[in-house]
N, C-alpha and C. Protein backbone atom coordinates (compact mmCIF):
# COMPACT_ATOMS: atom_id res chain seq x y z
N MET A 1 -39.56 24.73 37.28
CA MET A 1 -39.24 24.01 36.08
C MET A 1 -38.78 22.60 36.45
N ILE A 2 -39.35 21.61 35.82
CA ILE A 2 -39.03 20.22 36.10
C ILE A 2 -37.93 19.77 35.14
N GLN A 3 -36.87 19.21 35.70
CA GLN A 3 -35.78 18.72 34.87
C GLN A 3 -35.85 17.20 34.77
N LYS A 4 -35.60 16.71 33.57
CA LYS A 4 -35.55 15.27 33.37
C LYS A 4 -34.15 14.79 33.71
N LEU A 5 -34.09 13.69 34.38
CA LEU A 5 -32.78 13.12 34.68
C LEU A 5 -32.27 12.39 33.45
N LYS A 6 -31.04 12.70 33.09
CA LYS A 6 -30.45 12.04 31.94
C LYS A 6 -29.89 10.70 32.35
N LYS A 7 -30.00 9.75 31.43
CA LYS A 7 -29.41 8.45 31.69
C LYS A 7 -27.90 8.57 31.54
N PRO A 8 -27.14 7.89 32.36
CA PRO A 8 -25.69 7.97 32.24
C PRO A 8 -25.22 7.33 30.93
N PHE A 9 -24.14 7.90 30.37
CA PHE A 9 -23.58 7.38 29.13
C PHE A 9 -22.87 6.07 29.41
N ILE A 10 -23.26 5.04 28.69
CA ILE A 10 -22.63 3.73 28.83
C ILE A 10 -21.90 3.44 27.53
N PRO A 11 -20.56 3.35 27.57
CA PRO A 11 -19.82 3.10 26.34
C PRO A 11 -20.08 1.70 25.79
N ILE A 12 -19.84 1.56 24.49
CA ILE A 12 -20.01 0.27 23.84
C ILE A 12 -18.95 -0.69 24.36
N GLU A 13 -19.37 -1.90 24.67
CA GLU A 13 -18.42 -2.89 25.16
C GLU A 13 -17.60 -3.41 23.99
N ARG A 14 -16.28 -3.33 24.13
CA ARG A 14 -15.39 -3.77 23.06
C ARG A 14 -14.47 -4.85 23.60
N HIS A 15 -14.24 -5.86 22.77
CA HIS A 15 -13.34 -6.93 23.15
C HIS A 15 -11.96 -6.72 22.57
N GLU A 16 -11.87 -5.87 21.53
CA GLU A 16 -10.61 -5.52 20.89
C GLU A 16 -10.43 -4.01 20.97
N THR A 17 -9.18 -3.57 20.93
CA THR A 17 -8.95 -2.13 20.83
C THR A 17 -9.23 -1.69 19.40
N ILE A 18 -9.35 -0.39 19.20
CA ILE A 18 -9.62 0.13 17.86
C ILE A 18 -8.47 -0.21 16.93
N ARG A 19 -7.24 -0.11 17.42
CA ARG A 19 -6.08 -0.42 16.59
C ARG A 19 -6.04 -1.89 16.20
N GLN A 20 -6.42 -2.76 17.10
CA GLN A 20 -6.49 -4.18 16.78
C GLN A 20 -7.55 -4.44 15.71
N LYS A 21 -8.68 -3.73 15.79
CA LYS A 21 -9.72 -3.88 14.78
C LYS A 21 -9.22 -3.42 13.42
N ILE A 22 -8.51 -2.27 13.39
CA ILE A 22 -7.98 -1.76 12.13
C ILE A 22 -7.00 -2.76 11.53
N ILE A 23 -6.12 -3.32 12.36
CA ILE A 23 -5.15 -4.30 11.88
C ILE A 23 -5.87 -5.52 11.31
N ASN A 24 -6.88 -6.01 12.00
CA ASN A 24 -7.63 -7.18 11.52
C ASN A 24 -8.37 -6.91 10.22
N VAL A 25 -8.91 -5.70 10.08
CA VAL A 25 -9.62 -5.34 8.85
C VAL A 25 -8.64 -5.23 7.69
N LEU A 26 -7.46 -4.67 7.94
CA LEU A 26 -6.49 -4.46 6.86
C LEU A 26 -5.72 -5.72 6.47
N LYS A 27 -5.76 -6.75 7.30
CA LYS A 27 -5.08 -8.01 6.95
C LYS A 27 -5.75 -8.67 5.76
N ASP A 28 -7.05 -8.51 5.64
CA ASP A 28 -7.81 -9.19 4.60
C ASP A 28 -7.83 -8.45 3.27
N ARG A 29 -7.73 -7.10 3.32
CA ARG A 29 -7.93 -6.32 2.10
C ARG A 29 -7.27 -4.95 2.17
N THR A 30 -7.33 -4.23 1.07
CA THR A 30 -6.79 -2.87 0.97
C THR A 30 -7.94 -1.89 1.03
N LEU A 31 -7.86 -0.93 1.98
CA LEU A 31 -8.94 0.03 2.18
C LEU A 31 -8.40 1.44 2.33
N THR A 32 -9.24 2.43 2.02
CA THR A 32 -8.91 3.83 2.27
C THR A 32 -9.35 4.18 3.70
N ALA A 33 -8.94 5.35 4.17
CA ALA A 33 -9.32 5.78 5.52
C ALA A 33 -10.83 5.95 5.64
N THR A 34 -11.47 6.40 4.57
CA THR A 34 -12.93 6.55 4.59
C THR A 34 -13.62 5.20 4.77
N GLU A 35 -13.13 4.20 4.07
CA GLU A 35 -13.71 2.85 4.18
C GLU A 35 -13.44 2.24 5.56
N ILE A 36 -12.25 2.50 6.10
CA ILE A 36 -11.93 2.00 7.44
C ILE A 36 -12.83 2.65 8.47
N SER A 37 -13.05 3.97 8.35
CA SER A 37 -13.89 4.66 9.33
C SER A 37 -15.33 4.16 9.27
N ALA A 38 -15.82 3.83 8.09
CA ALA A 38 -17.17 3.29 7.96
C ALA A 38 -17.25 1.88 8.54
N GLU A 39 -16.21 1.10 8.34
CA GLU A 39 -16.17 -0.29 8.81
C GLU A 39 -16.15 -0.37 10.34
N ILE A 40 -15.36 0.51 10.96
CA ILE A 40 -15.14 0.43 12.40
C ILE A 40 -16.00 1.43 13.19
N SER A 41 -16.64 2.34 12.49
CA SER A 41 -17.52 3.35 13.10
C SER A 41 -16.75 4.35 13.97
N ILE A 42 -15.68 4.91 13.41
CA ILE A 42 -14.97 6.01 14.05
C ILE A 42 -14.76 7.10 13.01
N ARG A 43 -14.40 8.31 13.48
CA ARG A 43 -14.19 9.43 12.56
C ARG A 43 -12.94 9.20 11.72
N GLN A 44 -12.95 9.78 10.52
CA GLN A 44 -11.84 9.61 9.59
C GLN A 44 -10.54 10.20 10.15
N LYS A 45 -10.62 11.31 10.86
CA LYS A 45 -9.43 11.91 11.47
C LYS A 45 -8.79 10.95 12.47
N GLU A 46 -9.62 10.25 13.21
CA GLU A 46 -9.11 9.29 14.19
C GLU A 46 -8.40 8.13 13.50
N VAL A 47 -8.88 7.75 12.32
CA VAL A 47 -8.27 6.65 11.57
C VAL A 47 -6.82 6.99 11.26
N TYR A 48 -6.57 8.21 10.79
CA TYR A 48 -5.20 8.62 10.45
C TYR A 48 -4.29 8.58 11.67
N ASP A 49 -4.80 9.02 12.82
CA ASP A 49 -4.00 8.97 14.05
C ASP A 49 -3.64 7.53 14.41
N HIS A 50 -4.61 6.66 14.33
CA HIS A 50 -4.37 5.25 14.65
C HIS A 50 -3.42 4.60 13.65
N LEU A 51 -3.57 4.94 12.37
CA LEU A 51 -2.70 4.36 11.34
C LEU A 51 -1.24 4.77 11.54
N GLU A 52 -1.00 6.03 11.96
CA GLU A 52 0.37 6.46 12.23
C GLU A 52 0.98 5.64 13.36
N HIS A 53 0.20 5.39 14.38
CA HIS A 53 0.70 4.59 15.50
C HIS A 53 0.92 3.14 15.07
N ILE A 54 0.00 2.62 14.29
CA ILE A 54 0.13 1.24 13.80
C ILE A 54 1.38 1.11 12.93
N GLN A 55 1.65 2.11 12.12
CA GLN A 55 2.81 2.09 11.23
C GLN A 55 4.11 1.97 12.03
N ARG A 56 4.18 2.64 13.17
CA ARG A 56 5.38 2.57 14.02
C ARG A 56 5.44 1.26 14.79
N SER A 57 4.31 0.78 15.25
CA SER A 57 4.32 -0.37 16.16
C SER A 57 4.35 -1.73 15.46
N VAL A 58 3.79 -1.84 14.27
CA VAL A 58 3.74 -3.15 13.64
C VAL A 58 5.11 -3.60 13.14
N VAL A 59 6.02 -2.67 12.92
CA VAL A 59 7.37 -3.03 12.48
C VAL A 59 8.03 -3.91 13.54
N LYS A 60 7.77 -3.63 14.80
CA LYS A 60 8.34 -4.41 15.90
C LYS A 60 7.80 -5.84 15.91
N ASN A 61 6.59 -6.02 15.42
CA ASN A 61 5.95 -7.33 15.44
C ASN A 61 6.17 -8.12 14.15
N GLY A 62 6.96 -7.59 13.24
CA GLY A 62 7.22 -8.29 11.99
C GLY A 62 6.13 -8.14 10.95
N ILE A 63 5.24 -7.19 11.16
CA ILE A 63 4.15 -6.92 10.22
C ILE A 63 4.43 -5.55 9.60
N GLU A 64 4.03 -5.38 8.35
CA GLU A 64 4.30 -4.12 7.67
C GLU A 64 3.00 -3.47 7.19
N LEU A 65 2.85 -2.17 7.47
CA LEU A 65 1.71 -1.41 6.95
C LEU A 65 2.10 -0.92 5.56
N ILE A 66 1.38 -1.36 4.55
CA ILE A 66 1.66 -0.98 3.17
C ILE A 66 0.75 0.19 2.81
N VAL A 67 1.37 1.27 2.33
CA VAL A 67 0.63 2.47 1.95
C VAL A 67 0.72 2.63 0.44
N ASN A 68 -0.42 2.56 -0.22
CA ASN A 68 -0.50 2.87 -1.65
C ASN A 68 -0.75 4.37 -1.74
N PRO A 69 0.21 5.15 -2.27
CA PRO A 69 0.13 6.61 -2.17
C PRO A 69 -1.07 7.21 -2.91
N ALA A 70 -1.42 8.43 -2.47
CA ALA A 70 -2.49 9.18 -3.11
C ALA A 70 -2.05 9.60 -4.51
N SER A 71 -3.01 9.84 -5.38
CA SER A 71 -2.68 10.30 -6.73
C SER A 71 -3.73 11.30 -7.21
N CYS A 72 -3.28 12.18 -8.12
CA CYS A 72 -4.16 13.20 -8.68
C CYS A 72 -5.01 12.57 -9.77
N LYS A 73 -6.30 12.80 -9.72
CA LYS A 73 -7.20 12.24 -10.73
C LYS A 73 -7.11 13.01 -12.04
N LYS A 74 -6.64 14.26 -11.97
CA LYS A 74 -6.60 15.12 -13.15
C LYS A 74 -5.37 14.84 -14.01
N CYS A 75 -4.16 14.86 -13.39
CA CYS A 75 -2.93 14.71 -14.17
C CYS A 75 -2.21 13.38 -13.92
N GLY A 76 -2.62 12.64 -12.88
CA GLY A 76 -2.02 11.35 -12.61
C GLY A 76 -0.79 11.38 -11.72
N PHE A 77 -0.44 12.54 -11.17
CA PHE A 77 0.73 12.65 -10.29
C PHE A 77 0.53 11.77 -9.06
N THR A 78 1.57 11.01 -8.68
CA THR A 78 1.51 10.14 -7.51
C THR A 78 2.37 10.73 -6.41
N PHE A 79 1.83 10.80 -5.21
CA PHE A 79 2.52 11.38 -4.06
C PHE A 79 3.38 10.31 -3.39
N LYS A 80 4.44 9.86 -4.05
CA LYS A 80 5.27 8.76 -3.56
C LYS A 80 6.11 9.15 -2.34
N LYS A 81 6.61 10.38 -2.31
CA LYS A 81 7.52 10.79 -1.24
C LYS A 81 6.80 11.35 -0.02
N ARG A 82 5.50 11.44 -0.06
CA ARG A 82 4.74 12.01 1.05
C ARG A 82 4.79 11.08 2.25
N GLU A 83 5.17 11.63 3.40
CA GLU A 83 5.27 10.83 4.61
C GLU A 83 3.98 10.81 5.42
N ARG A 84 3.20 11.86 5.31
CA ARG A 84 1.92 11.89 6.02
C ARG A 84 0.97 10.88 5.38
N LEU A 85 0.15 10.28 6.20
CA LEU A 85 -0.78 9.27 5.70
C LEU A 85 -2.08 9.88 5.19
N SER A 86 -2.37 11.12 5.58
CA SER A 86 -3.64 11.74 5.18
C SER A 86 -3.61 12.17 3.71
N LYS A 87 -4.78 12.43 3.18
CA LYS A 87 -4.94 12.84 1.79
C LYS A 87 -4.45 14.27 1.61
N PRO A 88 -3.62 14.54 0.58
CA PRO A 88 -3.17 15.91 0.33
C PRO A 88 -4.30 16.80 -0.16
N GLY A 89 -4.13 18.11 0.00
CA GLY A 89 -5.16 19.05 -0.40
C GLY A 89 -5.16 19.36 -1.88
N LYS A 90 -3.95 19.61 -2.45
CA LYS A 90 -3.83 19.98 -3.86
C LYS A 90 -2.67 19.25 -4.50
N CYS A 91 -2.75 19.11 -5.81
CA CYS A 91 -1.67 18.52 -6.59
C CYS A 91 -0.61 19.60 -6.83
N PRO A 92 0.67 19.31 -6.60
CA PRO A 92 1.70 20.33 -6.82
C PRO A 92 1.96 20.62 -8.30
N ILE A 93 1.52 19.75 -9.19
CA ILE A 93 1.75 19.93 -10.63
C ILE A 93 0.64 20.76 -11.27
N CYS A 94 -0.59 20.28 -11.17
CA CYS A 94 -1.70 20.94 -11.87
C CYS A 94 -2.59 21.77 -10.94
N ARG A 95 -2.32 21.75 -9.64
CA ARG A 95 -3.11 22.46 -8.63
C ARG A 95 -4.55 21.97 -8.54
N GLY A 96 -4.80 20.79 -9.07
CA GLY A 96 -6.14 20.21 -8.99
C GLY A 96 -6.41 19.69 -7.59
N GLU A 97 -7.68 19.73 -7.20
CA GLU A 97 -8.07 19.27 -5.87
C GLU A 97 -8.75 17.91 -5.89
N ALA A 98 -8.90 17.33 -7.07
CA ALA A 98 -9.51 16.00 -7.20
C ALA A 98 -8.40 14.97 -6.97
N ILE A 99 -8.26 14.54 -5.72
CA ILE A 99 -7.17 13.65 -5.36
C ILE A 99 -7.75 12.35 -4.81
N GLU A 100 -7.23 11.26 -5.31
CA GLU A 100 -7.65 9.94 -4.84
C GLU A 100 -6.94 9.64 -3.51
N GLU A 101 -7.69 9.18 -2.54
CA GLU A 101 -7.14 8.89 -1.21
C GLU A 101 -6.09 7.79 -1.26
N PRO A 102 -5.12 7.84 -0.33
CA PRO A 102 -4.20 6.70 -0.23
C PRO A 102 -4.95 5.50 0.34
N SER A 103 -4.48 4.31 0.01
CA SER A 103 -5.10 3.11 0.55
C SER A 103 -4.06 2.34 1.36
N PHE A 104 -4.55 1.53 2.27
CA PHE A 104 -3.69 0.86 3.24
C PHE A 104 -4.00 -0.63 3.31
N SER A 105 -2.96 -1.41 3.57
CA SER A 105 -3.14 -2.84 3.81
C SER A 105 -2.01 -3.30 4.72
N ILE A 106 -2.15 -4.49 5.29
CA ILE A 106 -1.13 -5.04 6.17
C ILE A 106 -0.66 -6.35 5.58
N ASP A 107 0.67 -6.49 5.52
CA ASP A 107 1.28 -7.70 4.98
C ASP A 107 2.03 -8.42 6.06
């Protein structure tokens, strides 16, 4: 059996880190994690991990990560006290699963 030699994986050359890209994208506008993942070409789960780190680190630099909380599309409940940045699964009031994602920006 003849095996083909695979080409070695060559990562994309980046001049900025992913977190720097997220910060630069959020300086201009307010975006959800889905929009950030599409803009930067990373998975949505990774966006939440990076945003948590950015939230802790930007305070030291005098920059603030602003989180517009998620809200229920059915009853309008807003998740103001939620500390996690990811989208909740269900609304605690109406048990609806149609939830609008939180959005993020940097000030």
